[in-house]
Amino acid sequence: MSGNVWEWIEDCWHENYTGAPTDGAAWLEAGGGNCGQRMVRGGSWPDAPEIVRASSRSWIYAGYRYDYIGFRLAQDLP
């Protein structure tokens, strides 16, 4: 998936990982998060190669839409 589109995730923007959930849960407004700015990960096709990686993170305004931002649907299996 890397390099296709930035992946929009449920987490709200936090400056760093201090206080982040350790159980894989979404990190919302707790700990000073800003849900008007949502997290995106992974980089996209117009980005430099060093940005196109799973650990790349950035934010984008919650109402913003563009052709290099997408999302992945996932479902927990019983």
PDB file of N, CA and C in Angstrom:
ATOM      1  N   MET A   1       0.814  -1.214   0.000  1.00  0.00           N
ATOM      2  CA  MET A   1       0.000   0.000   0.000  1.00  0.00           C
ATOM      3  C   MET A   1       0.851   1.269   0.000  1.00  0.00           C
ATOM      4  N   SER A   2       2.054   1.223   0.470  1.00  0.00           N
ATOM      5  CA  SER A   2       2.870   2.433   0.541  1.00  0.00           C
ATOM      6  C   SER A   2       3.046   3.040  -0.844  1.00  0.00           C
ATOM      7  N   GLY A   3       2.907   4.349  -0.901  1.00  0.00           N
ATOM      8  CA  GLY A   3       3.100   5.059  -2.149  1.00  0.00           C
ATOM      9  C   GLY A   3       1.840   5.278  -2.958  1.00  0.00           C
ATOM     10  N   ASN A   4       0.768   4.615  -2.616  1.00  0.00           N
ATOM     11  CA  ASN A   4      -0.480   4.804  -3.340  1.00  0.00           C
ATOM     12  C   ASN A   4      -1.130   6.105  -2.860  1.00  0.00           C
ATOM     13  N   VAL A   5      -1.657   6.108  -1.656  1.00  0.00           N
ATOM     14  CA  VAL A   5      -2.241   7.309  -1.053  1.00  0.00           C
ATOM     15  C   VAL A   5      -1.877   7.351   0.430  1.00  0.00           C
ATOM     16  N   TRP A   6      -1.878   8.550   1.007  1.00  0.00           N
ATOM     17  CA  TRP A   6      -1.773   8.667   2.457  1.00  0.00           C
ATOM     18  C   TRP A   6      -2.987   7.963   3.038  1.00  0.00           C
ATOM     19  N   GLU A   7      -2.807   7.201   4.087  1.00  0.00           N
ATOM     20  CA  GLU A   7      -3.908   6.470   4.699  1.00  0.00           C
ATOM     21  C   GLU A   7      -4.463   7.267   5.875  1.00  0.00           C
ATOM     22  N   TRP A   8      -5.722   7.639   5.765  1.00  0.00           N
ATOM     23  CA  TRP A   8      -6.419   8.387   6.804  1.00  0.00           C
ATOM     24  C   TRP A   8      -6.726   7.414   7.938  1.00  0.00           C
ATOM     25  N   ILE A   9      -6.297   7.712   9.165  1.00  0.00           N
ATOM     26  CA  ILE A   9      -6.568   6.828  10.301  1.00  0.00           C
ATOM     27  C   ILE A   9      -7.439   7.531  11.324  1.00  0.00           C
ATOM     28  N   GLU A  10      -7.964   6.782  12.283  1.00  0.00           N
ATOM     29  CA  GLU A  10      -8.929   7.312  13.245  1.00  0.00           C
ATOM     30  C   GLU A  10      -8.308   8.266  14.268  1.00  0.00           C
ATOM     31  N   ASP A  11      -7.026   8.158  14.520  1.00  0.00           N
ATOM     32  CA  ASP A  11      -6.379   8.965  15.558  1.00  0.00           C
ATOM     33  C   ASP A  11      -6.473  10.456  15.273  1.00  0.00           C
ATOM     34  N   CYS A  12      -6.589  11.231  16.357  1.00  0.00           N
ATOM     35  CA  CYS A  12      -6.490  12.685  16.280  1.00  0.00           C
ATOM     36  C   CYS A  12      -5.018  13.067  16.394  1.00  0.00           C
ATOM     37  N   TRP A  13      -4.662  14.265  15.956  1.00  0.00           N
ATOM     38  CA  TRP A  13      -3.269  14.702  15.976  1.00  0.00           C
ATOM     39  C   TRP A  13      -2.786  14.936  17.403  1.00  0.00           C
ATOM     40  N   HIS A  14      -1.627  14.380  17.712  1.00  0.00           N
ATOM     41  CA  HIS A  14      -0.866  14.633  18.937  1.00  0.00           C
ATOM     42  C   HIS A  14       0.561  14.942  18.495  1.00  0.00           C
ATOM     43  N   GLU A  15       1.227  15.851  19.169  1.00  0.00           N
ATOM     44  CA  GLU A  15       2.584  16.250  18.795  1.00  0.00           C
ATOM     45  C   GLU A  15       3.592  15.101  18.890  1.00  0.00           C
ATOM     46  N   ASN A  16       3.387  14.180  19.845  1.00  0.00           N
ATOM     47  CA  ASN A  16       4.313  13.064  20.019  1.00  0.00           C
ATOM     48  C   ASN A  16       3.540  11.870  20.589  1.00  0.00           C
ATOM     49  N   TYR A  17       4.234  10.816  20.920  1.00  0.00           N
ATOM     50  CA  TYR A  17       3.575   9.587  21.384  1.00  0.00           C
ATOM     51  C   TYR A  17       3.452   9.486  22.899  1.00  0.00           C
ATOM     52  N   THR A  18       3.788  10.529  23.635  1.00  0.00           N
ATOM     53  CA  THR A  18       3.665  10.510  25.085  1.00  0.00           C
ATOM     54  C   THR A  18       2.202  10.326  25.477  1.00  0.00           C
ATOM     55  N   GLY A  19       1.903   9.260  26.211  1.00  0.00           N
ATOM     56  CA  GLY A  19       0.537   8.974  26.646  1.00  0.00           C
ATOM     57  C   GLY A  19      -0.307   8.215  25.642  1.00  0.00           C
ATOM     58  N   ALA A  20       0.294   7.743  24.561  1.00  0.00           N
ATOM     59  CA  ALA A  20      -0.457   7.013  23.540  1.00  0.00           C
ATOM     60  C   ALA A  20      -0.971   5.681  24.091  1.00  0.00           C
ATOM     61  N   PRO A  21      -2.134   5.214  23.635  1.00  0.00           N
ATOM     62  CA  PRO A  21      -2.642   3.913  24.062  1.00  0.00           C
ATOM     63  C   PRO A  21      -1.654   2.803  23.689  1.00  0.00           C
ATOM     64  N   THR A  22      -1.522   1.826  24.549  1.00  0.00           N
ATOM     65  CA  THR A  22      -0.615   0.713  24.289  1.00  0.00           C
ATOM     66  C   THR A  22      -1.349  -0.522  23.790  1.00  0.00           C
ATOM     67  N   ASP A  23      -2.685  -0.432  23.680  1.00  0.00           N
ATOM     68  CA  ASP A  23      -3.482  -1.596  23.278  1.00  0.00           C
ATOM     69  C   ASP A  23      -3.951  -1.543  21.824  1.00  0.00           C
ATOM     70  N   GLY A  24      -3.466  -0.580  21.053  1.00  0.00           N
ATOM     71  CA  GLY A  24      -3.850  -0.459  19.652  1.00  0.00           C
ATOM     72  C   GLY A  24      -5.132   0.327  19.425  1.00  0.00           C
ATOM     73  N   ALA A  25      -5.730   0.847  20.493  1.00  0.00           N
ATOM     74  CA  ALA A  25      -6.960   1.633  20.367  1.00  0.00           C
ATOM     75  C   ALA A  25      -6.668   2.975  19.704  1.00  0.00           C
ATOM     76  N   ALA A  26      -7.693   3.550  19.093  1.00  0.00           N
ATOM     77  CA  ALA A  26      -7.551   4.880  18.490  1.00  0.00           C
ATOM     78  C   ALA A  26      -7.238   5.893  19.585  1.00  0.00           C
ATOM     79  N   TRP A  27      -6.396   6.858  19.269  1.00  0.00           N
ATOM     80  CA  TRP A  27      -5.995   7.896  20.210  1.00  0.00           C
ATOM     81  C   TRP A  27      -6.734   9.167  19.849  1.00  0.00           C
ATOM     82  N   LEU A  28      -7.778   9.471  20.590  1.00  0.00           N
ATOM     83  CA  LEU A  28      -8.648  10.592  20.253  1.00  0.00           C
ATOM     84  C   LEU A  28      -8.221  11.855  20.991  1.00  0.00           C
ATOM     85  N   GLU A  29      -9.127  12.569  21.646  1.00  0.00           N
ATOM     86  CA  GLU A  29      -8.784  13.849  22.264  1.00  0.00           C
ATOM     87  C   GLU A  29      -8.062  13.726  23.596  1.00  0.00           C
ATOM     88  N   ALA A  30      -8.045  12.549  24.199  1.00  0.00           N
ATOM     89  CA  ALA A  30      -7.362  12.372  25.482  1.00  0.00           C
ATOM     90  C   ALA A  30      -5.893  12.747  25.338  1.00  0.00           C
ATOM     91  N   GLY A  31      -5.374  13.420  26.344  1.00  0.00           N
ATOM     92  CA  GLY A  31      -3.961  13.776  26.313  1.00  0.00           C
ATOM     93  C   GLY A  31      -3.649  14.939  25.398  1.00  0.00           C
ATOM     94  N   GLY A  32      -4.626  15.781  25.119  1.00  0.00           N
ATOM     95  CA  GLY A  32      -4.372  16.982  24.333  1.00  0.00           C
ATOM     96  C   GLY A  32      -4.489  16.826  22.833  1.00  0.00           C
ATOM     97  N   GLY A  33      -5.145  15.774  22.373  1.00  0.00           N
ATOM     98  CA  GLY A  33      -5.314  15.576  20.939  1.00  0.00           C
ATOM     99  C   GLY A  33      -6.208  16.622  20.300  1.00  0.00           C
ATOM    100  N   ASN A  34      -6.002  16.870  19.030  1.00  0.00           N
ATOM    101  CA  ASN A  34      -6.804  17.823  18.277  1.00  0.00           C
ATOM    102  C   ASN A  34      -7.535  17.061  17.171  1.00  0.00           C
ATOM    103  N   CYS A  35      -8.830  16.814  17.361  1.00  0.00           N
ATOM    104  CA  CYS A  35      -9.583  16.033  16.381  1.00  0.00           C
ATOM    105  C   CYS A  35     -10.006  16.852  15.160  1.00  0.00           C
ATOM    106  N   GLY A  36      -9.729  18.137  15.147  1.00  0.00           N
ATOM    107  CA  GLY A  36      -9.903  18.937  13.939  1.00  0.00           C
ATOM    108  C   GLY A  36      -8.772  18.660  12.955  1.00  0.00           C
ATOM    109  N   GLN A  37      -7.707  18.071  13.458  1.00  0.00           N
ATOM    110  CA  GLN A  37      -6.565  17.650  12.659  1.00  0.00           C
ATOM    111  C   GLN A  37      -6.450  16.137  12.810  1.00  0.00           C
ATOM    112  N   ARG A  38      -6.654  15.401  11.737  1.00  0.00           N
ATOM    113  CA  ARG A  38      -6.625  13.938  11.784  1.00  0.00           C
ATOM    114  C   ARG A  38      -5.319  13.405  11.218  1.00  0.00           C
ATOM    115  N   MET A  39      -4.926  12.257  11.724  1.00  0.00           N
ATOM    116  CA  MET A  39      -3.671  11.621  11.325  1.00  0.00           C
ATOM    117  C   MET A  39      -3.788  10.955   9.960  1.00  0.00           C
ATOM    118  N   VAL A  40      -2.726  11.046   9.194  1.00  0.00           N
ATOM    119  CA  VAL A  40      -2.566  10.279   7.958  1.00  0.00           C
ATOM    120  C   VAL A  40      -1.196   9.615   8.030  1.00  0.00           C
ATOM    121  N   ARG A  41      -1.077   8.445   7.404  1.00  0.00           N
ATOM    122  CA  ARG A  41       0.172   7.684   7.438  1.00  0.00           C
ATOM    123  C   ARG A  41       0.539   7.155   6.057  1.00  0.00           C
ATOM    124  N   GLY A  42       1.825   6.984   5.818  1.00  0.00           N
ATOM    125  CA  GLY A  42       2.305   6.188   4.709  1.00  0.00           C
ATOM    126  C   GLY A  42       2.820   6.879   3.469  1.00  0.00           C
ATOM    127  N   GLY A  43       2.513   8.124   3.237  1.00  0.00           N
ATOM    128  CA  GLY A  43       2.970   8.785   2.022  1.00  0.00           C
ATOM    129  C   GLY A  43       2.137   8.417   0.800  1.00  0.00           C
ATOM    130  N   SER A  44       2.349   9.151  -0.280  1.00  0.00           N
ATOM    131  CA  SER A  44       1.578   8.905  -1.501  1.00  0.00           C
ATOM    132  C   SER A  44       2.436   9.153  -2.734  1.00  0.00           C
ATOM    133  N   TRP A  45       1.842   8.950  -3.889  1.00  0.00           N
ATOM    134  CA  TRP A  45       2.571   8.991  -5.155  1.00  0.00           C
ATOM    135  C   TRP A  45       3.339  10.273  -5.439  1.00  0.00           C
ATOM    136  N   PRO A  46       2.909  11.497  -5.024  1.00  0.00           N
ATOM    137  CA  PRO A  46       3.749  12.652  -5.367  1.00  0.00           C
ATOM    138  C   PRO A  46       4.870  12.927  -4.361  1.00  0.00           C
ATOM    139  N   ASP A  47       4.982  12.114  -3.291  1.00  0.00           N
ATOM    140  CA  ASP A  47       5.956  12.369  -2.231  1.00  0.00           C
ATOM    141  C   ASP A  47       7.342  11.822  -2.571  1.00  0.00           C
ATOM    142  N   ALA A  48       8.341  12.393  -1.917  1.00  0.00           N
ATOM    143  CA  ALA A  48       9.719  11.909  -2.051  1.00  0.00           C
ATOM    144  C   ALA A  48       9.820  10.489  -1.493  1.00  0.00           C
ATOM    145  N   PRO A  49      10.708   9.659  -2.028  1.00  0.00           N
ATOM    146  CA  PRO A  49      10.822   8.260  -1.594  1.00  0.00           C
ATOM    147  C   PRO A  49      11.038   8.082  -0.095  1.00  0.00           C
ATOM    148  N   GLU A  50      11.776   8.982   0.555  1.00  0.00           N
ATOM    149  CA  GLU A  50      12.019   8.835   1.988  1.00  0.00           C
ATOM    150  C   GLU A  50      10.769   9.056   2.840  1.00  0.00           C
ATOM    151  N   ILE A  51       9.729   9.626   2.268  1.00  0.00           N
ATOM    152  CA  ILE A  51       8.462   9.834   2.987  1.00  0.00           C
ATOM    153  C   ILE A  51       7.526   8.649   2.790  1.00  0.00           C
ATOM    154  N   VAL A  52       7.664   7.935   1.700  1.00  0.00           N
ATOM    155  CA  VAL A  52       6.759   6.827   1.378  1.00  0.00           C
ATOM    156  C   VAL A  52       7.181   5.589   2.169  1.00  0.00           C
ATOM    157  N   ARG A  53       6.709   5.529   3.427  1.00  0.00           N
ATOM    158  CA  ARG A  53       7.007   4.406   4.317  1.00  0.00           C
ATOM    159  C   ARG A  53       5.933   4.332   5.390  1.00  0.00           C
ATOM    160  N   ALA A  54       5.741   3.174   5.959  1.00  0.00           N
ATOM    161  CA  ALA A  54       4.661   2.954   6.932  1.00  0.00           C
ATOM    162  C   ALA A  54       4.789   3.843   8.160  1.00  0.00           C
ATOM    163  N   SER A  55       5.992   4.208   8.547  1.00  0.00           N
ATOM    164  CA  SER A  55       6.166   5.011   9.761  1.00  0.00           C
ATOM    165  C   SER A  55       5.977   6.508   9.528  1.00  0.00           C
ATOM    166  N   SER A  56       5.796   6.944   8.285  1.00  0.00           N
ATOM    167  CA  SER A  56       5.537   8.367   8.029  1.00  0.00           C
ATOM    168  C   SER A  56       4.204   8.757   8.625  1.00  0.00           C
ATOM    169  N   ARG A  57       4.181   9.901   9.299  1.00  0.00           N
ATOM    170  CA  ARG A  57       2.939  10.387   9.872  1.00  0.00           C
ATOM    171  C   ARG A  57       2.837  11.882   9.671  1.00  0.00           C
ATOM    172  N   SER A  58       1.630  12.329   9.492  1.00  0.00           N
ATOM    173  CA  SER A  58       1.362  13.741   9.339  1.00  0.00           C
ATOM    174  C   SER A  58      -0.089  13.970   9.738  1.00  0.00           C
ATOM    175  N   TRP A  59      -0.558  15.182   9.612  1.00  0.00           N
ATOM    176  CA  TRP A  59      -1.958  15.472   9.906  1.00  0.00           C
ATOM    177  C   TRP A  59      -2.554  16.232   8.737  1.00  0.00           C
ATOM    178  N   ILE A  60      -3.865  16.197   8.712  1.00  0.00           N
ATOM    179  CA  ILE A  60      -4.605  16.943   7.705  1.00  0.00           C
ATOM    180  C   ILE A  60      -5.919  17.392   8.348  1.00  0.00           C
ATOM    181  N   TYR A  61      -6.438  18.532   7.965  1.00  0.00           N
ATOM    182  CA  TYR A  61      -7.698  18.995   8.544  1.00  0.00           C
ATOM    183  C   TYR A  61      -8.797  17.977   8.285  1.00  0.00           C
ATOM    184  N   ALA A  62      -9.645  17.778   9.272  1.00  0.00           N
ATOM    185  CA  ALA A  62     -10.669  16.721   9.220  1.00  0.00           C
ATOM    186  C   ALA A  62     -11.596  16.844   8.008  1.00  0.00           C
ATOM    187  N   GLY A  63     -11.876  18.022   7.529  1.00  0.00           N
ATOM    188  CA  GLY A  63     -12.779  18.201   6.399  1.00  0.00           C
ATOM    189  C   GLY A  63     -12.103  18.234   5.045  1.00  0.00           C
ATOM    190  N   TYR A  64     -10.794  18.039   4.999  1.00  0.00           N
ATOM    191  CA  TYR A  64     -10.029  18.137   3.764  1.00  0.00           C
ATOM    192  C   TYR A  64     -10.129  16.854   2.942  1.00  0.00           C
ATOM    193  N   ARG A  65     -10.264  16.972   1.631  1.00  0.00           N
ATOM    194  CA  ARG A  65     -10.302  15.819   0.733  1.00  0.00           C
ATOM    195  C   ARG A  65      -9.386  16.098  -0.451  1.00  0.00           C
ATOM    196  N   TYR A  66      -8.661  15.085  -0.888  1.00  0.00           N
ATOM    197  CA  TYR A  66      -7.820  15.240  -2.070  1.00  0.00           C
ATOM    198  C   TYR A  66      -7.531  13.873  -2.659  1.00  0.00           C
ATOM    199  N   ASP A  67      -7.036  13.824  -3.873  1.00  0.00           N
ATOM    200  CA  ASP A  67      -6.859  12.549  -4.568  1.00  0.00           C
ATOM    201  C   ASP A  67      -5.699  11.704  -4.057  1.00  0.00           C
ATOM    202  N   TYR A  68      -4.873  12.205  -3.171  1.00  0.00           N
ATOM    203  CA  TYR A  68      -3.791  11.381  -2.624  1.00  0.00           C
ATOM    204  C   TYR A  68      -3.998  11.042  -1.158  1.00  0.00           C
ATOM    205  N   ILE A  69      -5.244  11.117  -0.687  1.00  0.00           N
ATOM    206  CA  ILE A  69      -5.612  10.717   0.676  1.00  0.00           C
ATOM    207  C   ILE A  69      -6.721   9.681   0.570  1.00  0.00           C
ATOM    208  N   GLY A  70      -6.560   8.560   1.254  1.00  0.00           N
ATOM    209  CA  GLY A  70      -7.553   7.492   1.207  1.00  0.00           C
ATOM    210  C   GLY A  70      -7.721   6.844   2.573  1.00  0.00           C
ATOM    211  N   PHE A  71      -8.387   5.730   2.628  1.00  0.00           N
ATOM    212  CA  PHE A  71      -8.542   5.005   3.874  1.00  0.00           C
ATOM    213  C   PHE A  71      -8.667   3.531   3.567  1.00  0.00           C
ATOM    214  N   ARG A  72      -8.448   2.723   4.570  1.00  0.00           N
ATOM    215  CA  ARG A  72      -8.543   1.284   4.421  1.00  0.00           C
ATOM    216  C   ARG A  72      -9.645   0.784   5.359  1.00  0.00           C
ATOM    217  N   LEU A  73     -10.523  -0.034   4.843  1.00  0.00           N
ATOM    218  CA  LEU A  73     -11.551  -0.634   5.681  1.00  0.00           C
ATOM    219  C   LEU A  73     -11.010  -1.904   6.314  1.00  0.00           C
ATOM    220  N   ALA A  74     -11.301  -2.077   7.589  1.00  0.00           N
ATOM    221  CA  ALA A  74     -10.868  -3.280   8.307  1.00  0.00           C
ATOM    222  C   ALA A  74     -11.981  -3.748   9.219  1.00  0.00           C
ATOM    223  N   GLN A  75     -12.018  -5.021   9.456  1.00  0.00           N
ATOM    224  CA  GLN A  75     -13.031  -5.586  10.333  1.00  0.00           C
ATOM    225  C   GLN A  75     -12.372  -6.639  11.226  1.00  0.00           C
ATOM    226  N   ASP A  76     -12.698  -6.602  12.514  1.00  0.00           N
ATOM    227  CA  ASP A  76     -12.231  -7.631  13.429  1.00  0.00           C
ATOM    228  C   ASP A  76     -12.999  -8.905  13.173  1.00  0.00           C
ATOM    229  N   LEU A  77     -12.313 -10.011  13.113  1.00  0.00           N
ATOM    230  CA  LEU A  77     -12.970 -11.296  12.921  1.00  0.00           C
ATOM    231  C   LEU A  77     -13.161 -11.978  14.274  1.00  0.00           C
ATOM    232  N   PRO A  78     -14.286 -12.687  14.436  1.00  0.00           N
ATOM    233  CA  PRO A  78     -14.529 -13.346  15.733  1.00  0.00           C
ATOM    234  C   PRO A  78     -13.548 -14.473  15.999  1.00  0.00           C
TER     235      PRO A  78
END
